[in-house]
C-alpha cells in the first residue's frame, strides 16, 4: 500500500513543480518533499492520529524540509514548499462539498466543506509553525555568531 502512495505522491509533487515552473534541477527535490509529507500524513493516520493533527505535522515537516532544500540548493523556499504541500490539499473534500450542494444535500455539503476548511487551516498552521521554528533557529544562530 505504501509503495503506491510513495510513487503517486512523488509524481504529483514533481508534476506540480513542472506546472509551477520550478527549475528542472529541482523537480526531484520537489517530488521528495511532497512524498515525505504525504507518507508522513498517511502513516500518522494509520497509527491513530486524527486527520487534522496529521495534516498539521505533515505540513510542518514539508516546510522544514523545504527550508533545508532551499538553503542547500540555493533556491527560493516557495519552489519546494508549494510543490510539497500539494498532496495534502483537501481538493477531494472541497469537490464533495460542492457536489453535495448542487445535489441539494446541504447537510452533507456543510460537513464536507467544514472538514476541507479545517484541513486547509491545519496546513496553514503547519506552515506558520515551521516559519516560527525557522525564525527561532536563525536567532539562535545569530546570537552564537556574535
Protein backbone atom coordinates (compact mmCIF):
# COMPACT_ATOMS: atom_id res chain seq x y z
CA UNK A 1 0.00 0.00 0.00
CA UNK A 2 2.73 2.45 0.91
CA UNK A 3 4.62 1.85 -2.36
CA UNK A 4 1.69 3.16 -4.42
CA UNK A 5 1.35 6.15 -2.10
CA UNK A 6 5.07 6.89 -2.33
CA UNK A 7 5.17 6.74 -6.12
CA UNK A 8 1.98 8.72 -6.75
CA UNK A 9 2.77 11.45 -4.23
CA UNK A 10 6.27 11.84 -5.70
CA UNK A 11 4.88 12.10 -9.23
CA UNK A 12 2.12 14.53 -8.20
CA UNK A 13 4.53 16.84 -6.42
CA UNK A 14 7.15 16.76 -9.16
CA UNK A 15 4.47 17.30 -11.83
CA UNK A 16 3.10 20.27 -9.95
CA UNK A 17 6.65 21.59 -9.77
CA UNK A 18 6.75 21.40 -13.57
CA UNK A 19 3.42 23.24 -13.85
CA UNK A 20 4.68 25.80 -11.32
CA UNK A 21 7.80 26.33 -13.49
CA UNK A 22 10.23 25.10 -10.85
CA UNK A 23 13.78 24.76 -12.15
CA UNK A 24 14.29 21.38 -13.85
CA UNK A 25 17.15 20.54 -11.50
CA UNK A 26 14.79 20.98 -8.52
CA UNK A 27 11.99 18.65 -9.66
CA UNK A 28 13.43 15.61 -7.86
CA UNK A 29 13.59 17.57 -4.61
CA UNK A 30 10.04 18.88 -5.17
CA UNK A 31 8.86 15.30 -5.56
CA UNK A 32 10.76 14.18 -2.47
CA UNK A 33 9.29 16.93 -0.31
CA UNK A 34 5.72 16.06 -1.32
CA UNK A 35 6.38 12.35 -0.97
CA UNK A 36 7.74 12.68 2.56
CA UNK A 37 4.84 14.90 3.60
CA UNK A 38 2.21 12.55 2.19
CA UNK A 39 3.79 9.36 3.58
CA UNK A 40 4.08 11.00 6.98
CA UNK A 41 0.41 12.03 6.78
CA UNK A 42 -0.87 8.56 5.91
CA UNK A 43 1.45 6.88 8.43
CA UNK A 44 0.23 9.17 11.22
CA UNK A 45 -3.35 8.34 10.31
CA UNK A 46 -2.52 4.61 10.29
CA UNK A 47 -1.23 4.82 13.86
CA UNK A 48 -4.37 6.60 15.02
CA UNK A 49 -3.52 10.30 14.84
CA UNK A 50 -6.51 12.41 13.86
CA UNK A 51 -6.62 13.83 10.34
CA UNK A 52 -6.18 17.49 11.34
CA UNK A 53 -3.20 16.79 13.57
CA UNK A 54 -1.62 14.59 10.89
CA UNK A 55 -2.11 17.35 8.34
CA UNK A 56 -0.50 19.94 10.62
CA UNK A 57 2.53 17.75 11.35
CA UNK A 58 2.95 16.81 7.68
CA UNK A 59 2.72 20.46 6.56
CA UNK A 60 5.26 21.41 9.24
CA UNK A 61 7.68 18.74 8.02
CA UNK A 62 7.15 19.68 4.36
CA UNK A 63 8.10 23.26 5.10
CA UNK A 64 11.09 22.37 7.28
CA UNK A 65 12.43 20.08 4.53
CA UNK A 66 11.76 22.89 2.05
CA UNK A 67 13.87 25.26 4.17
CA UNK A 68 16.68 22.72 4.15
CA UNK A 69 16.50 22.23 0.36
CA UNK A 70 16.22 25.97 -0.26
CA UNK A 71 19.41 26.57 1.68
CA UNK A 72 21.25 23.59 0.23
CA UNK A 73 20.34 24.18 -3.42
CA UNK A 74 20.19 28.00 -3.19
CA UNK A 75 16.64 28.29 -4.47
CA UNK A 76 13.61 30.13 -3.05
CA UNK A 77 11.75 28.08 -0.46
CA UNK A 78 8.50 28.50 -2.36
CA UNK A 79 9.84 26.23 -5.13
CA UNK A 80 9.84 23.29 -2.73
CA UNK A 81 7.06 24.15 -0.28
CA UNK A 82 4.31 24.77 -2.84
CA UNK A 83 5.05 21.57 -4.71
CA UNK A 84 5.41 19.65 -1.46
CA UNK A 85 2.14 20.80 0.04
CA UNK A 86 0.03 19.78 -2.98
CA UNK A 87 -0.65 16.18 -1.86
CA UNK A 88 -2.05 17.49 1.43
CA UNK A 89 -4.54 19.92 -0.13
CA UNK A 90 -8.10 18.67 0.51
CA UNK A 91 -9.32 19.05 -3.07
CA UNK A 92 -11.44 15.91 -2.97
CA UNK A 93 -13.31 17.11 0.10
CA UNK A 94 -13.96 20.51 -1.46
CA UNK A 95 -15.26 18.79 -4.59
CA UNK A 96 -17.55 16.57 -2.49
CA UNK A 97 -18.88 19.64 -0.68
CA UNK A 98 -19.71 21.37 -3.95
CA UNK A 99 -21.25 18.23 -5.43
CA UNK A 100 -23.46 17.77 -2.39
CA UNK A 101 -24.53 21.41 -2.54
CA UNK A 102 -25.50 21.06 -6.21
CA UNK A 103 -27.45 17.90 -5.37
CA UNK A 104 -29.33 19.77 -2.60
CA UNK A 105 -27.70 17.67 0.14
CA UNK A 106 -26.90 20.72 2.19
CA UNK A 107 -26.19 18.97 5.48
CA UNK A 108 -23.52 16.79 3.83
CA UNK A 109 -22.20 19.79 1.88
CA UNK A 110 -21.69 21.78 5.07
CA UNK A 111 -19.94 18.84 6.75
CA UNK A 112 -17.56 18.23 3.84
CA UNK A 113 -16.93 21.95 3.44
CA UNK A 114 -16.17 22.37 7.12
CA UNK A 115 -13.68 19.49 7.09
CA UNK A 116 -11.99 20.87 3.95
CA UNK A 117 -11.80 24.31 5.57
CA UNK A 118 -10.31 22.89 8.78
CA UNK A 119 -7.75 20.85 6.85
CA UNK A 120 -6.75 23.97 4.93
CA UNK A 121 -6.32 25.71 8.28
CA UNK A 122 -4.23 22.80 9.53
CA UNK A 123 -1.94 23.21 6.52
CA UNK A 124 -1.63 26.93 7.24
CA UNK A 125 -0.88 26.19 10.90
CA UNK A 126 1.88 23.76 9.92
CA UNK A 127 3.40 26.37 7.62
CA UNK A 128 3.19 29.01 10.34
CA UNK A 129 4.77 26.78 12.99
CA UNK A 130 7.67 25.93 10.69
CA UNK A 131 8.22 29.62 9.99
CA UNK A 132 8.34 30.33 13.72
CA UNK A 133 10.75 27.43 14.21
CA UNK A 134 12.96 28.74 11.42
CA UNK A 135 13.00 32.24 12.91
CA UNK A 136 13.96 30.86 16.34
CA UNK A 137 16.77 28.82 14.79
CA UNK A 138 18.05 31.90 12.93
CA UNK A 139 18.05 33.99 16.12
CA UNK A 140 19.92 31.28 17.99
CA UNK A 141 22.50 31.04 15.19
CA UNK A 142 22.92 34.82 15.08
CA UNK A 143 23.39 35.04 18.84
CA UNK A 144 26.01 32.27 18.76
CA UNK A 145 27.84 34.02 15.91
CA UNK A 146 28.04 37.27 17.90
